[in-house]
């Protein structure tokens, strides 16, 4: 939980923001009252961003909230402001370090517009880009603080799906910018990473369900999103602060940016690579680091991770590291995420590996390719059968893992989809594989093996990424 002074100042920020928006809707941009309100608002934000990397507020239900904690009393006082934010699609607002008073003034101009005017001029995103605002972002539904998910896990998956699809769109834009020698939109990247973080903090299982997409090639943005999710999940459980989480998330999302310079026929080649082709593949680490080092405002950590994510714990791998000792923590985290997602996914040159086989394979490389403690922590988080995995149970039933277990990595929570006769289950039942029979003391159900979705057994559409 955030320190109380920060929360108090965020509450003050919300009140001042609502007041400034109202004043601007009544008076001109150059009116003394408007100018004074913007300046007061800037002083509050400047104080907050002196110690915080980013301040994000969002709407949960009918309340404005910070770090998942609603401001009930303040929200009642500014209910008209909240309604306005919903109407214009600004359910999340992020203020980032580096914000200047000019940007804030332009932001208030956008915030003061009504829904009809915004729609007629291309919407919030177009207005932000046109105004040159870099350190304030609006979030859409599914980004950042999630809306009410009381309807259950499927609603939570729906919210997470918004984040996932937003990431695909974002990475397409990043690719276009890199290939066109244009600047990477760091504000949008940070905004997306913030959305992952907030979803992980509120319902990590929902995002993990979506990472179970099994088929993507080396050009696919799905892999990069998955690596970012897995990396942030690891970093969050290690107790890293928000600023560190943001930087690791950005680094993980962009770790393979160097592959944009590799010909598609090499990346997608089926079968063995020639020595020359493998050298081309290996060049993506250094190429990615160079791209990120030349990108303004992006933390050096992103370049470090891009360069080193194929350097193993025992210092084998590529590129050859010429200085220093072991690789840094962020790189080791991203390496685990990268290898895990690659092994369990269907690619051009290899079929997917069952999650239990992926676990066994990575365990044999503990202490060689991977830091032993970090690898142990990773599987303690996601389990052997992560959310989104179809599993066959010893009861004859088939189900979908919907939540990992904190007690036993082999015994997740499962939604029964098919009965022991292979028929679609008549009603939704969620079981915990930790549960034992009271009479015998034996587990009621145990996973026999995972199942690749096929014509007979399918993952319900409500749990799919698309």
Protein backbone atom coordinates (compact mmCIF):
# COMPACT_ATOMS: atom_id res chain seq x y z
CA UNK A 1 0.00 0.00 0.00
CA UNK A 2 1.21 3.51 -0.76
CA UNK A 3 2.52 5.75 1.99
CA UNK A 4 -0.26 7.91 3.45
CA UNK A 5 1.23 11.31 2.43
CA UNK A 6 1.23 10.20 -1.22
CA UNK A 7 -2.37 9.05 -1.04
CA UNK A 8 -3.40 12.28 0.68
CA UNK A 9 -1.74 14.31 -2.05
CA UNK A 10 -3.39 12.21 -4.76
CA UNK A 11 -6.76 12.93 -3.15
CA UNK A 12 -5.88 16.63 -3.20
CA UNK A 13 -4.91 16.22 -6.87
CA UNK A 14 -8.31 14.73 -7.74
CA UNK A 15 -10.17 17.61 -6.07
CA UNK A 16 -8.00 20.21 -7.83
CA UNK A 17 -8.30 18.41 -11.16
CA UNK A 18 -12.11 18.39 -10.95
CA UNK A 19 -12.14 22.05 -9.98
CA UNK A 20 -9.77 23.05 -12.79
CA UNK A 21 -11.81 21.17 -15.39
CA UNK A 22 -14.96 22.93 -14.21
CA UNK A 23 -13.31 26.36 -14.25
CA UNK A 24 -11.97 25.82 -17.77
CA UNK A 25 -15.43 24.86 -18.99
CA UNK A 26 -16.71 28.20 -17.62
CA UNK A 27 -13.84 30.57 -18.45
CA UNK A 28 -11.37 31.04 -21.28
CA UNK A 29 -7.90 29.53 -21.36
CA UNK A 30 -6.35 32.95 -20.67
CA UNK A 31 -8.65 33.90 -17.81
CA UNK A 32 -6.84 34.58 -14.53
CA UNK A 33 -8.93 31.97 -12.66
CA UNK A 34 -8.06 29.30 -15.24
CA UNK A 35 -4.36 30.15 -15.16
CA UNK A 36 -4.28 30.10 -11.37
CA UNK A 37 -6.07 26.75 -11.22
CA UNK A 38 -3.66 25.16 -13.72
CA UNK A 39 -0.67 26.50 -11.80
CA UNK A 40 -2.00 25.14 -8.48
CA UNK A 41 -2.63 21.79 -10.13
CA UNK A 42 0.91 21.77 -11.51
CA UNK A 43 2.40 22.43 -8.06
CA UNK A 44 0.56 19.41 -6.64
CA UNK A 45 1.71 17.16 -9.49
CA UNK A 46 5.25 18.47 -9.34
CA UNK A 47 5.46 17.51 -5.66
CA UNK A 48 4.02 14.05 -6.32
CA UNK A 49 6.26 13.33 -9.30
CA UNK A 50 9.34 14.44 -7.40
CA UNK A 51 9.21 11.12 -5.50
CA UNK A 52 6.94 9.00 -7.71
CA UNK A 53 7.73 7.78 -11.23
CA UNK A 54 4.07 7.88 -12.25
CA UNK A 55 0.73 8.82 -10.70
CA UNK A 56 -2.29 6.98 -12.07
CA UNK A 57 -5.90 7.53 -11.09
CA UNK A 58 -8.78 5.52 -12.48
CA UNK A 59 -12.48 4.86 -12.14
CA UNK A 60 -13.58 1.69 -10.33
CA UNK A 61 -17.34 1.41 -10.45
CA UNK A 62 -18.47 4.96 -9.65
CA UNK A 63 -15.44 6.00 -7.61
CA UNK A 64 -12.06 7.45 -8.47
CA UNK A 65 -9.25 5.31 -7.08
CA UNK A 66 -5.49 5.24 -6.65
CA UNK A 67 -3.60 1.96 -6.33
CA UNK A 68 -6.91 0.03 -6.17
CA UNK A 69 -8.09 2.09 -3.16
CA UNK A 70 -11.21 4.20 -3.94
CA UNK A 71 -11.73 7.71 -2.56
CA UNK A 72 -15.36 7.27 -1.53
CA UNK A 73 -16.07 10.65 0.08
CA UNK A 74 -14.18 12.67 -2.51
CA UNK A 75 -15.84 10.72 -5.33
CA UNK A 76 -19.27 11.67 -4.00
CA UNK A 77 -18.23 15.32 -4.09
CA UNK A 78 -16.95 15.15 -7.68
CA UNK A 79 -19.53 12.77 -9.12
CA UNK A 80 -20.18 15.13 -12.05
CA UNK A 81 -16.47 15.08 -12.94
CA UNK A 82 -16.47 11.26 -12.81
CA UNK A 83 -19.48 11.14 -15.12
CA UNK A 84 -17.66 13.47 -17.54
CA UNK A 85 -14.57 11.24 -17.53
CA UNK A 86 -16.71 8.21 -18.33
CA UNK A 87 -18.48 10.04 -21.13
CA UNK A 88 -15.23 10.98 -22.86
CA UNK A 89 -13.69 7.54 -22.31
CA UNK A 90 -11.02 8.62 -19.82
CA UNK A 91 -11.41 5.90 -17.20
CA UNK A 92 -7.71 6.14 -16.37
CA UNK A 93 -5.35 9.12 -16.34
CA UNK A 94 -1.60 8.74 -15.87
CA UNK A 95 0.78 11.60 -15.08
CA UNK A 96 4.45 10.76 -15.61
CA UNK A 97 7.71 12.19 -14.37
CA UNK A 98 8.89 14.91 -16.74
CA UNK A 99 5.49 16.59 -17.00
CA UNK A 100 5.82 20.33 -17.57
CA UNK A 101 3.31 23.14 -17.06
CA UNK A 102 2.73 23.62 -20.79
CA UNK A 103 1.74 19.95 -21.21
CA UNK A 104 -0.60 20.22 -18.24
CA UNK A 105 -2.25 23.29 -19.74
CA UNK A 106 -2.83 21.42 -23.03
CA UNK A 107 -4.14 18.42 -21.10
CA UNK A 108 -6.75 20.60 -19.35
CA UNK A 109 -7.83 21.92 -22.75
CA UNK A 110 -8.61 18.35 -23.84
CA UNK A 111 -10.20 17.45 -20.53
CA UNK A 112 -12.57 20.40 -20.79
CA UNK A 113 -13.97 19.30 -24.16
CA UNK A 114 -17.32 17.54 -24.28
CA UNK A 115 -17.94 14.10 -25.75
CA UNK A 116 -19.38 15.39 -29.04
CA UNK A 117 -16.44 17.72 -29.72
CA UNK A 118 -13.90 14.99 -28.99
CA UNK A 119 -15.69 12.49 -31.23
CA UNK A 120 -15.86 15.03 -34.05
CA UNK A 121 -12.11 15.65 -33.86
CA UNK A 122 -10.89 12.05 -33.74
CA UNK A 123 -11.15 11.27 -30.04
CA UNK A 124 -8.81 11.60 -27.08
CA UNK A 125 -5.83 9.78 -28.61
CA UNK A 126 -5.74 11.99 -31.70
CA UNK A 127 -6.05 15.13 -29.59
CA UNK A 128 -3.18 14.01 -27.35
CA UNK A 129 -0.89 13.38 -30.31
CA UNK A 130 -1.87 16.64 -31.98
CA UNK A 131 -1.16 18.56 -28.77
CA UNK A 132 2.31 17.04 -28.36
CA UNK A 133 1.56 15.78 -24.85
CA UNK A 134 4.04 13.07 -23.85
CA UNK A 135 3.75 12.80 -20.09
CA UNK A 136 0.00 12.52 -19.63
CA UNK A 137 -1.98 9.60 -21.02
CA UNK A 138 -5.62 8.64 -20.98
CA UNK A 139 -6.49 4.98 -20.58
CA UNK A 140 -9.27 3.08 -22.27
CA UNK A 141 -11.42 0.40 -20.67
CA UNK A 142 -9.15 -2.54 -19.98
CA UNK A 143 -6.07 -0.38 -19.43
CA UNK A 144 -4.98 0.27 -15.88
CA UNK A 145 -7.52 0.26 -13.06
CA UNK A 146 -10.08 -2.31 -14.03
CA UNK A 147 -13.80 -1.83 -13.96
CA UNK A 148 -16.11 -3.82 -11.69
CA UNK A 149 -15.52 -7.53 -12.24
CA UNK A 150 -18.07 -8.85 -9.75
CA UNK A 151 -19.66 -11.02 -12.44
CA UNK A 152 -16.76 -13.44 -12.01
CA UNK A 153 -13.61 -14.56 -13.72
CA UNK A 154 -15.02 -14.29 -17.25
CA UNK A 155 -15.60 -10.57 -16.72
CA UNK A 156 -12.07 -10.30 -15.36
CA UNK A 157 -10.79 -12.03 -18.51
CA UNK A 158 -12.79 -9.55 -20.60
CA UNK A 159 -11.04 -6.67 -18.84
CA UNK A 160 -7.65 -8.34 -19.27
CA UNK A 161 -8.46 -8.97 -22.94
CA UNK A 162 -8.66 -5.21 -23.45
CA UNK A 163 -5.11 -4.89 -22.16
CA UNK A 164 -3.91 -7.76 -24.32
CA UNK A 165 -5.37 -6.42 -27.56
CA UNK A 166 -4.18 -2.92 -26.75
CA UNK A 167 -0.67 -4.34 -26.52
CA UNK A 168 -0.87 -5.89 -29.98
CA UNK A 169 -1.94 -2.55 -31.48
CA UNK A 170 0.81 -0.75 -29.58
CA UNK A 171 3.56 -3.12 -30.73
CA UNK A 172 2.43 -2.80 -34.33
CA UNK A 173 2.91 0.94 -33.93
CA UNK A 174 6.33 0.40 -32.31
CA UNK A 175 7.35 -1.82 -35.24
CA UNK A 176 6.22 0.77 -37.77
CA UNK A 177 8.15 3.48 -35.92
CA UNK A 178 11.36 1.41 -35.71
CA UNK A 179 11.21 0.32 -39.35
CA UNK A 180 10.45 3.90 -40.39
CA UNK A 181 13.32 5.29 -38.29
CA UNK A 182 10.82 7.18 -36.17
CA UNK A 183 10.78 7.70 -32.41
CA UNK A 184 9.18 5.01 -30.22
CA UNK A 185 6.14 6.40 -28.38
CA UNK A 186 7.40 5.77 -24.85
CA UNK A 187 4.30 7.25 -23.18
CA UNK A 188 2.09 4.67 -24.87
CA UNK A 189 4.48 1.86 -23.95
CA UNK A 190 4.46 2.96 -20.31
CA UNK A 191 0.70 3.29 -20.36
CA UNK A 192 0.35 -0.29 -21.58
CA UNK A 193 2.83 -1.58 -19.00
CA UNK A 194 0.86 0.25 -16.31
CA UNK A 195 -2.24 -1.57 -17.52
CA UNK A 196 -0.53 -4.93 -17.12
CA UNK A 197 0.69 -4.01 -13.63
CA UNK A 198 -2.75 -2.96 -12.44
CA UNK A 199 -4.36 -6.09 -13.86
CA UNK A 200 -1.71 -8.31 -12.26
CA UNK A 201 -2.31 -6.63 -8.91
CA UNK A 202 -6.06 -7.19 -9.12
CA UNK A 203 -6.46 -10.47 -11.00
CA UNK A 204 -3.26 -12.03 -12.30
CA UNK A 205 -4.99 -15.29 -13.27
CA UNK A 206 -7.06 -13.52 -15.93
CA UNK A 207 -3.98 -12.26 -17.78
CA UNK A 208 -2.27 -15.63 -17.42
CA UNK A 209 -5.27 -17.32 -19.04
CA UNK A 210 -4.73 -15.14 -22.11
CA UNK A 211 -1.00 -15.96 -22.31
CA UNK A 212 -1.99 -19.53 -23.16
CA UNK A 213 -2.25 -18.58 -26.87
CA UNK A 214 -0.22 -21.41 -28.35
CA UNK A 215 0.59 -20.42 -31.89
CA UNK A 216 2.76 -17.46 -32.75
CA UNK A 217 5.87 -17.01 -34.83
CA UNK A 218 8.91 -14.90 -34.11
CA UNK A 219 7.29 -11.83 -35.66
CA UNK A 220 4.23 -12.17 -33.45
CA UNK A 221 3.59 -9.49 -30.88
CA UNK A 222 1.86 -12.07 -28.66
CA UNK A 223 5.22 -13.43 -27.51
CA UNK A 224 6.43 -9.99 -26.42
CA UNK A 225 3.23 -9.33 -24.49
CA UNK A 226 3.49 -12.73 -22.78
CA UNK A 227 7.11 -12.08 -21.80
CA UNK A 228 6.12 -8.70 -20.34
CA UNK A 229 3.32 -10.30 -18.32
CA UNK A 230 5.51 -13.12 -16.98
CA UNK A 231 8.36 -10.72 -16.18
CA UNK A 232 6.15 -8.23 -14.34
CA UNK A 233 4.57 -11.05 -12.37
CA UNK A 234 8.01 -12.20 -11.23
CA UNK A 235 9.18 -8.69 -10.39
CA UNK A 236 6.01 -7.87 -8.45
CA UNK A 237 6.31 -10.98 -6.26
CA UNK A 238 9.91 -10.02 -5.49
CA UNK A 239 8.58 -6.82 -3.93
CA UNK A 240 9.91 -4.35 -6.48
CA UNK A 241 8.61 -0.79 -6.31
CA UNK A 242 6.32 0.73 -8.93
CA UNK A 243 9.11 2.60 -10.71
CA UNK A 244 11.16 -0.59 -11.07
CA UNK A 245 8.11 -2.52 -12.27
CA UNK A 246 7.51 0.04 -15.00
CA UNK A 247 11.09 -0.08 -16.25
CA UNK A 248 11.22 -3.90 -16.24
CA UNK A 249 7.87 -4.01 -18.04
CA UNK A 250 9.11 -1.69 -20.78
CA UNK A 251 12.34 -3.69 -21.11
CA UNK A 252 10.47 -7.00 -21.33
CA UNK A 253 7.98 -5.69 -23.88
CA UNK A 254 10.79 -4.43 -26.14
CA UNK A 255 13.34 -7.19 -25.50
CA UNK A 256 13.07 -8.61 -29.04
CA UNK A 257 12.85 -5.32 -30.92
CA UNK A 258 16.08 -6.26 -32.74
CA UNK A 259 14.23 -9.03 -34.60
CA UNK A 260 12.51 -6.38 -36.67
CA UNK A 261 15.77 -6.09 -38.63
CA UNK A 262 15.93 -9.83 -39.44
CA UNK A 263 14.42 -11.12 -42.72
CA UNK A 264 11.13 -12.94 -42.21
CA UNK A 265 12.28 -15.97 -44.20
CA UNK A 266 15.06 -16.53 -41.66
CA UNK A 267 12.82 -16.08 -38.62
CA UNK A 268 10.11 -18.34 -40.01
CA UNK A 269 12.37 -21.00 -41.51
CA UNK A 270 11.31 -24.55 -40.78
CA UNK A 271 14.13 -26.93 -39.99
CA UNK A 272 17.74 -26.30 -39.10
CA UNK A 273 19.42 -22.97 -39.67
CA UNK A 274 22.71 -22.68 -41.49
CA UNK A 275 25.61 -21.19 -39.54
CA UNK A 276 25.17 -17.93 -41.45
CA UNK A 277 21.44 -17.82 -40.68
CA UNK A 278 22.03 -18.53 -37.00
CA UNK A 279 24.54 -15.68 -36.85
CA UNK A 280 21.88 -13.41 -38.35
CA UNK A 281 19.43 -14.52 -35.66
CA UNK A 282 22.01 -13.92 -32.94
CA UNK A 283 22.59 -10.38 -34.18
CA UNK A 284 19.13 -9.32 -32.96
CA UNK A 285 20.35 -8.91 -29.37
CA UNK A 286 22.97 -6.29 -30.22
CA UNK A 287 20.71 -4.70 -32.85
CA UNK A 288 17.90 -4.35 -30.32
CA UNK A 289 20.22 -2.77 -27.78
CA UNK A 290 21.42 -0.27 -30.39
CA UNK A 291 17.84 0.66 -31.37
CA UNK A 292 16.86 1.24 -27.74
CA UNK A 293 20.01 3.18 -26.86
CA UNK A 294 19.26 5.52 -29.74
CA UNK A 295 15.62 5.96 -28.64
CA UNK A 296 15.15 9.15 -26.60
CA UNK A 297 13.81 8.85 -23.04
CA UNK A 298 13.94 5.04 -22.91
CA UNK A 299 15.77 3.77 -19.84
CA UNK A 300 19.18 2.13 -20.43
CA UNK A 301 17.74 -0.95 -18.71
CA UNK A 302 15.73 -1.75 -21.86
CA UNK A 303 18.93 -1.83 -23.94
CA UNK A 304 20.70 -3.92 -21.29
CA UNK A 305 17.90 -6.50 -21.30
CA UNK A 306 17.69 -6.56 -25.11
CA UNK A 307 21.45 -7.18 -25.29
CA UNK A 308 21.62 -9.83 -22.58
CA UNK A 309 18.41 -11.88 -22.67
CA UNK A 310 20.21 -14.77 -24.43
CA UNK A 311 23.14 -14.73 -22.01
CA UNK A 312 22.63 -17.59 -19.60
CA UNK A 313 23.18 -17.77 -15.86
CA UNK A 314 26.48 -19.63 -16.40
CA UNK A 315 27.49 -16.86 -18.88
CA UNK A 316 27.18 -19.08 -21.96
CA UNK A 317 24.87 -18.05 -24.78
CA UNK A 318 25.15 -14.92 -26.88
CA UNK A 319 26.33 -12.20 -27.43
CA UNK A 320 29.61 -12.69 -25.60
CA UNK A 321 29.70 -10.47 -22.53
CA UNK A 322 33.04 -8.71 -22.42
CA UNK A 323 32.82 -6.95 -19.03
CA UNK A 324 31.26 -7.46 -15.62
CA UNK A 325 30.10 -10.54 -13.75
CA UNK A 326 26.70 -12.20 -13.79
CA UNK A 327 23.87 -10.65 -15.76
CA UNK A 328 21.58 -8.23 -13.92
CA UNK A 329 18.35 -9.20 -12.16
CA UNK A 330 16.00 -7.74 -14.79
CA UNK A 331 17.73 -9.63 -17.60
CA UNK A 332 17.61 -12.92 -15.68
CA UNK A 333 13.88 -12.40 -15.07
CA UNK A 334 13.17 -11.67 -18.74
CA UNK A 335 15.31 -14.64 -19.84
CA UNK A 336 13.15 -17.05 -17.83
CA UNK A 337 9.96 -15.53 -19.25
CA UNK A 338 11.32 -15.58 -22.81
CA UNK A 339 12.41 -19.21 -22.74
CA UNK A 340 9.25 -20.42 -21.00
CA UNK A 341 6.92 -18.79 -23.52
CA UNK A 342 9.04 -19.97 -26.46
CA UNK A 343 9.13 -23.60 -25.30
CA UNK A 344 5.41 -23.93 -24.72
CA UNK A 345 4.37 -22.16 -27.92
CA UNK A 346 4.01 -23.45 -31.46
CA UNK A 347 6.55 -21.81 -33.73
CA UNK A 348 7.59 -22.25 -37.34
CA UNK A 349 10.56 -24.44 -36.45
CA UNK A 350 9.16 -26.38 -33.48
CA UNK A 351 5.91 -27.69 -32.07
CA UNK A 352 4.62 -26.61 -28.69
CA UNK A 353 5.84 -28.37 -25.57
CA UNK A 354 3.36 -29.49 -22.91
CA UNK A 355 3.58 -27.28 -19.78
CA UNK A 356 4.67 -30.20 -17.59
CA UNK A 357 7.43 -31.01 -20.09
CA UNK A 358 8.41 -27.34 -20.21
CA UNK A 359 8.71 -27.40 -16.42
CA UNK A 360 10.92 -30.53 -16.52
CA UNK A 361 13.09 -29.09 -19.28
CA UNK A 362 13.70 -25.81 -17.47
CA UNK A 363 14.40 -27.58 -14.18
CA UNK A 364 17.23 -29.53 -15.81
CA UNK A 365 18.76 -26.17 -16.79
CA UNK A 366 18.46 -24.61 -13.32
CA UNK A 367 21.82 -23.24 -12.24
CA UNK A 368 23.06 -23.41 -15.83
CA UNK A 369 20.76 -21.33 -17.99
CA UNK A 370 18.65 -19.89 -15.17
CA UNK A 371 19.14 -18.50 -11.68
CA UNK A 372 17.87 -21.35 -9.43
CA UNK A 373 15.98 -19.14 -6.97
CA UNK A 374 14.36 -17.05 -9.70
CA UNK A 375 13.29 -20.18 -11.58
CA UNK A 376 11.79 -21.66 -8.42
CA UNK A 377 9.94 -18.41 -7.77
CA UNK A 378 8.61 -18.35 -11.34
CA UNK A 379 6.95 -21.76 -11.08
CA UNK A 380 5.72 -21.02 -7.58
CA UNK A 381 3.82 -18.13 -9.17
CA UNK A 382 2.32 -19.75 -12.27
CA UNK A 383 2.38 -23.42 -11.30
CA UNK A 384 3.25 -26.36 -13.53
CA UNK A 385 -0.14 -26.05 -15.25
CA UNK A 386 -0.69 -22.29 -15.60
CA UNK A 387 -4.13 -20.70 -16.05
CA UNK A 388 -5.46 -21.36 -19.53
CA UNK A 389 -4.18 -24.97 -19.69
CA UNK A 390 -6.56 -27.77 -20.65
CA UNK A 391 -5.98 -30.78 -18.39
CA UNK A 392 -7.16 -34.38 -18.18
CA UNK A 393 -7.99 -35.47 -14.62
CA UNK A 394 -7.78 -38.96 -13.13
CA UNK A 395 -11.56 -38.74 -12.59
CA UNK A 396 -11.97 -38.92 -16.37
CA UNK A 397 -13.06 -35.29 -16.52
CA UNK A 398 -11.41 -32.60 -18.63
CA UNK A 399 -11.11 -29.06 -17.39
CA UNK A 400 -9.41 -25.71 -17.80
CA UNK A 401 -6.99 -24.36 -15.22
CA UNK A 402 -8.32 -20.98 -14.14
CA UNK A 403 -6.13 -20.23 -11.12
CA UNK A 404 -2.77 -21.37 -9.86
CA UNK A 405 -2.37 -22.78 -6.34
CA UNK A 406 -0.11 -21.09 -3.80
CA UNK A 407 0.09 -24.35 -1.82
CA UNK A 408 1.13 -26.87 -4.47
CA UNK A 409 2.37 -26.01 -7.97
CA UNK A 410 0.90 -29.28 -9.29
CA UNK A 411 -2.64 -28.68 -7.94
CA UNK A 412 -4.38 -25.63 -9.45
CA UNK A 413 -8.06 -24.68 -9.52
CA UNK A 414 -9.89 -26.16 -12.50
CA UNK A 415 -13.20 -25.43 -14.20
CA UNK A 416 -14.74 -28.74 -15.30
CA UNK A 417 -15.64 -28.51 -18.99
CA UNK A 418 -16.28 -32.15 -19.93
CA UNK A 419 -17.59 -35.00 -17.78
CA UNK A 420 -16.05 -38.46 -17.45
CA UNK A 421 -17.91 -39.59 -20.61
CA UNK A 422 -16.43 -36.78 -22.68
CA UNK A 423 -19.67 -34.82 -22.83
CA UNK A 424 -19.84 -31.07 -22.26
CA UNK A 425 -20.50 -30.46 -18.56
CA UNK A 426 -24.10 -29.45 -17.87
CA UNK A 427 -23.16 -26.82 -15.31
CA UNK A 428 -20.07 -24.82 -14.42
CA UNK A 429 -18.16 -26.34 -11.52
CA UNK A 430 -14.82 -25.06 -10.28
CA UNK A 431 -12.79 -27.49 -8.20
CA UNK A 432 -9.57 -27.18 -6.23
CA UNK A 433 -7.17 -30.06 -6.74
CA UNK A 434 -5.95 -29.50 -3.19
CA UNK A 435 -9.24 -30.96 -1.92
CA UNK A 436 -9.04 -34.42 -0.31
CA UNK A 437 -11.65 -37.06 0.36
CA UNK A 438 -12.63 -36.89 4.04
CA UNK A 439 -12.86 -40.67 4.33
CA UNK A 440 -9.70 -41.84 2.55
CA UNK A 441 -7.52 -38.75 2.92
CA UNK A 442 -6.61 -39.04 -0.76
CA UNK A 443 -6.90 -36.23 -3.28
CA UNK A 444 -10.28 -36.20 -5.02
CA UNK A 445 -8.77 -35.26 -8.37
CA UNK A 446 -5.27 -35.13 -9.84
CA UNK A 447 -4.00 -33.92 -13.21
CA UNK A 448 -2.89 -36.80 -15.42
CA UNK A 449 -1.58 -34.65 -18.24
CA UNK A 450 -2.24 -31.47 -20.18
CA UNK A 451 -4.22 -31.50 -23.43
CA UNK A 452 -3.62 -29.59 -26.64
CA UNK A 453 -6.97 -28.00 -27.66
CA UNK A 454 -8.45 -29.94 -30.56
CA UNK A 455 -11.75 -30.70 -32.22
CA UNK A 456 -12.89 -32.79 -29.26
CA UNK A 457 -11.73 -30.62 -26.38
CA UNK A 458 -11.77 -26.85 -26.78
CA UNK A 459 -11.04 -23.84 -24.59
CA UNK A 460 -14.33 -21.89 -24.21
CA UNK A 461 -14.41 -18.69 -26.24
CA UNK A 462 -14.92 -16.66 -23.03
CA UNK A 463 -11.34 -17.55 -22.05
CA UNK A 464 -9.70 -16.95 -25.41
CA UNK A 465 -7.59 -13.91 -26.23
CA UNK A 466 -9.52 -13.11 -29.41
